Structures are given as structure tokens and as C-alpha cells.
Amino acid sequence: MIVVHIFVHVKPDCVEAFRRATIENARNSALEPGIARFDVLQQSDDATRFVLVEVYRNAEATAQHKATTHYNAWAAVALDMMAEPRTRTTYSNAFPDDASW
């Protein structure tokens, strides 16, 4: 499994539009066979900050995700809503180590 945390700071006037666009992307992403999980988190004490948690079954799935229509539609609108460039951190799961989950 490959787990990616994407940290996004959104312009204050774009929070609701970003949230809607990101949830739509997440709904479609969760249907991809290579994605085990896709969460959209909004910071409790700062509504302009989000974390996307994407869990991929393998490296190939990360590339496949970026080629989808829904990801590209999201990127086309979401990038302009960001107050600064998004950042990401990639993890591999230590537990459970069974790749079947």
C-alpha cells in the first residue's frame, strides 16, 4: 500500500467550492480499483486547511489516478482555489503489513 497525505491551504473565499469539487473527486476516486481509500479532511480550527488521504494498492494505481477524467476536472478548478501550492508526504504502511487489505 502507498499512503499519500496531501496538504492544501485554500483561499478563504473558495472553501465551499473547493470542498464540493474535492468531495466529487473523492467519490469518483473511491471507485477506482487501485484505490483502497480516499478521505477528505477539513481542519477543525481552520476551515481553509484540508488534508487528502489517498491509499493506493500499488504505484501503478497512483499514475492511473492522475490520468482519470475526474482527477483532471478537479485539478482544473481546484488549483486556482489554493492559497499556496499543495504539499504531499508519501508513506508505506507498517501495520498491517498484509497487502490483502
C-alpha atoms as a PDB file:
ATOM      1  CA  MET A   1       0.000   0.000   0.000  1.00  0.00           C
ATOM      2  CA  ILE A   2       1.057   3.547  -0.706  1.00  0.00           C
ATOM      3  CA  VAL A   3      -0.483   6.208   1.514  1.00  0.00           C
ATOM      4  CA  VAL A   4      -0.304   9.821   0.412  1.00  0.00           C
ATOM      5  CA  HIS A   5      -1.243  12.808   2.579  1.00  0.00           C
ATOM      6  CA  ILE A   6      -1.823  15.939   0.524  1.00  0.00           C
ATOM      7  CA  PHE A   7      -1.905  19.195   2.469  1.00  0.00           C
ATOM      8  CA  VAL A   8      -3.954  22.001   0.939  1.00  0.00           C
ATOM      9  CA  HIS A   9      -4.424  25.589   2.065  1.00  0.00           C
ATOM     10  CA  VAL A  10      -7.437  27.113   0.297  1.00  0.00           C
ATOM     11  CA  LYS A  11      -8.275  30.776  -0.261  1.00  0.00           C
ATOM     12  CA  PRO A  12     -10.943  31.806   2.289  1.00  0.00           C
ATOM     13  CA  ASP A  13     -13.476  32.740  -0.384  1.00  0.00           C
ATOM     14  CA  CYS A  14     -13.056  29.346  -2.091  1.00  0.00           C
ATOM     15  CA  VAL A  15     -13.555  26.978   0.838  1.00  0.00           C
ATOM     16  CA  GLU A  16     -17.043  25.727  -0.076  1.00  0.00           C
ATOM     17  CA  ALA A  17     -16.300  25.437  -3.799  1.00  0.00           C
ATOM     18  CA  PHE A  18     -13.075  23.562  -3.050  1.00  0.00           C
ATOM     19  CA  ARG A  19     -14.862  21.275  -0.631  1.00  0.00           C
ATOM     20  CA  ARG A  20     -17.569  20.422  -3.187  1.00  0.00           C
ATOM     21  CA  ALA A  21     -15.089  19.819  -6.018  1.00  0.00           C
ATOM     22  CA  THR A  22     -12.833  17.716  -3.799  1.00  0.00           C
ATOM     23  CA  ILE A  23     -15.658  15.564  -2.455  1.00  0.00           C
ATOM     24  CA  GLU A  24     -16.831  14.924  -6.027  1.00  0.00           C
ATOM     25  CA  ASN A  25     -13.302  13.867  -6.961  1.00  0.00           C
ATOM     26  CA  ALA A  26     -13.082  11.668  -3.851  1.00  0.00           C
ATOM     27  CA  ARG A  27     -16.384   9.922  -4.630  1.00  0.00           C
ATOM     28  CA  ASN A  28     -15.161   9.014  -8.095  1.00  0.00           C
ATOM     29  CA  SER A  29     -11.657   8.160  -6.908  1.00  0.00           C
ATOM     30  CA  ALA A  30     -13.013   5.693  -4.339  1.00  0.00           C
ATOM     31  CA  LEU A  31     -14.493   3.716  -7.248  1.00  0.00           C
ATOM     32  CA  GLU A  32     -11.097   3.189  -8.885  1.00  0.00           C
ATOM     33  CA  PRO A  33      -9.889  -0.409  -8.451  1.00  0.00           C
ATOM     34  CA  GLY A  34      -6.389   0.761  -7.481  1.00  0.00           C
ATOM     35  CA  ILE A  35      -7.592   2.978  -4.645  1.00  0.00           C
ATOM     36  CA  ALA A  36      -8.275   1.329  -1.286  1.00  0.00           C
ATOM     37  CA  ARG A  37      -9.359   4.542   0.461  1.00  0.00           C
ATOM     38  CA  PHE A  38      -9.729   8.252  -0.256  1.00  0.00           C
ATOM     39  CA  ASP A  39     -10.517  10.654   2.609  1.00  0.00           C
ATOM     40  CA  VAL A  40     -11.104  14.397   2.587  1.00  0.00           C
ATOM     41  CA  LEU A  41     -10.335  16.009   5.948  1.00  0.00           C
ATOM     42  CA  GLN A  42     -11.008  19.635   6.844  1.00  0.00           C
ATOM     43  CA  GLN A  43      -9.109  21.136   9.774  1.00  0.00           C
ATOM     44  CA  SER A  44     -11.390  21.818  12.746  1.00  0.00           C
ATOM     45  CA  ASP A  45      -9.841  25.120  13.794  1.00  0.00           C
ATOM     46  CA  ASP A  46      -9.048  26.473  10.312  1.00  0.00           C
ATOM     47  CA  ALA A  47     -11.620  25.727   7.608  1.00  0.00           C
ATOM     48  CA  THR A  48      -9.169  26.794   4.885  1.00  0.00           C
ATOM     49  CA  ARG A  49      -6.908  23.799   5.510  1.00  0.00           C
ATOM     50  CA  PHE A  50      -7.541  20.334   4.154  1.00  0.00           C
ATOM     51  CA  VAL A  51      -5.721  17.010   4.109  1.00  0.00           C
ATOM     52  CA  LEU A  52      -6.482  14.458   1.421  1.00  0.00           C
ATOM     53  CA  VAL A  53      -5.586  10.928   2.454  1.00  0.00           C
ATOM     54  CA  GLU A  54      -5.209   8.662  -0.544  1.00  0.00           C
ATOM     55  CA  VAL A  55      -4.440   4.959  -0.123  1.00  0.00           C
ATOM     56  CA  TYR A  56      -3.259   3.202  -3.275  1.00  0.00           C
ATOM     57  CA  ARG A  57      -2.888  -0.530  -3.746  1.00  0.00           C
ATOM     58  CA  ASN A  58       0.340  -0.074  -5.751  1.00  0.00           C
ATOM     59  CA  ALA A  59       2.483   2.513  -7.547  1.00  0.00           C
ATOM     60  CA  GLU A  60       0.720   1.871 -10.846  1.00  0.00           C
ATOM     61  CA  ALA A  61      -2.571   2.989  -9.279  1.00  0.00           C
ATOM     62  CA  THR A  62      -1.133   6.421  -8.451  1.00  0.00           C
ATOM     63  CA  ALA A  63      -0.343   7.051 -12.115  1.00  0.00           C
ATOM     64  CA  GLN A  64      -3.698   5.669 -13.223  1.00  0.00           C
ATOM     65  CA  HIS A  65      -5.492   8.022 -10.826  1.00  0.00           C
ATOM     66  CA  LYS A  66      -3.803  11.081 -12.317  1.00  0.00           C
ATOM     67  CA  ALA A  67      -4.960  10.016 -15.780  1.00  0.00           C
ATOM     68  CA  THR A  68      -8.663   9.911 -14.859  1.00  0.00           C
ATOM     69  CA  THR A  69     -11.213  12.417 -16.086  1.00  0.00           C
ATOM     70  CA  HIS A  70     -12.404  13.205 -12.565  1.00  0.00           C
ATOM     71  CA  TYR A  71      -8.897  13.949 -11.261  1.00  0.00           C
ATOM     72  CA  ASN A  72      -8.149  16.237 -14.209  1.00  0.00           C
ATOM     73  CA  ALA A  73     -11.505  18.017 -13.802  1.00  0.00           C
ATOM     74  CA  TRP A  74     -10.709  18.547 -10.112  1.00  0.00           C
ATOM     75  CA  ALA A  75      -7.196  19.826 -10.836  1.00  0.00           C
ATOM     76  CA  ALA A  76      -8.517  22.239 -13.469  1.00  0.00           C
ATOM     77  CA  VAL A  77     -10.660  24.050 -10.901  1.00  0.00           C
ATOM     78  CA  ALA A  78      -9.010  23.311  -7.541  1.00  0.00           C
ATOM     79  CA  LEU A  79      -5.530  24.626  -8.298  1.00  0.00           C
ATOM     80  CA  ASP A  80      -6.814  28.184  -8.650  1.00  0.00           C
ATOM     81  CA  MET A  81      -8.574  27.897  -5.291  1.00  0.00           C
ATOM     82  CA  MET A  82      -5.369  27.174  -3.401  1.00  0.00           C
ATOM     83  CA  ALA A  83      -3.733  29.915  -1.343  1.00  0.00           C
ATOM     84  CA  GLU A  84      -0.344  28.263  -1.869  1.00  0.00           C
ATOM     85  CA  PRO A  85       0.972  25.185  -3.667  1.00  0.00           C
ATOM     86  CA  ARG A  86      -0.170  21.920  -2.114  1.00  0.00           C
ATOM     87  CA  THR A  87       2.388  19.648  -0.496  1.00  0.00           C
ATOM     88  CA  ARG A  88       2.448  15.900  -0.094  1.00  0.00           C
ATOM     89  CA  THR A  89       4.037  13.256   2.039  1.00  0.00           C
ATOM     90  CA  THR A  90       4.115   9.616   0.968  1.00  0.00           C
ATOM     91  CA  TYR A  91       4.076   6.703   3.404  1.00  0.00           C
ATOM     92  CA  SER A  92       4.116   2.930   3.237  1.00  0.00           C
ATOM     93  CA  ASN A  93       2.050   1.084   5.795  1.00  0.00           C
ATOM     94  CA  ALA A  94       3.926  -0.638   8.599  1.00  0.00           C
ATOM     95  CA  PHE A  95       0.832  -2.310  10.076  1.00  0.00           C
ATOM     96  CA  PRO A  96      -0.972  -4.201   8.956  1.00  0.00           C
ATOM     97  CA  ASP A  97       1.671  -5.455   6.603  1.00  0.00           C
ATOM     98  CA  ASP A  98      -0.712  -7.812   4.825  1.00  0.00           C
ATOM     99  CA  ALA A  99      -1.164  -6.380   1.329  1.00  0.00           C
ATOM    100  CA  SER A 100      -4.565  -8.072   1.008  1.00  0.00           C
ATOM    101  CA  TRP A 101      -6.446  -5.427   2.959  1.00  0.00           C
END
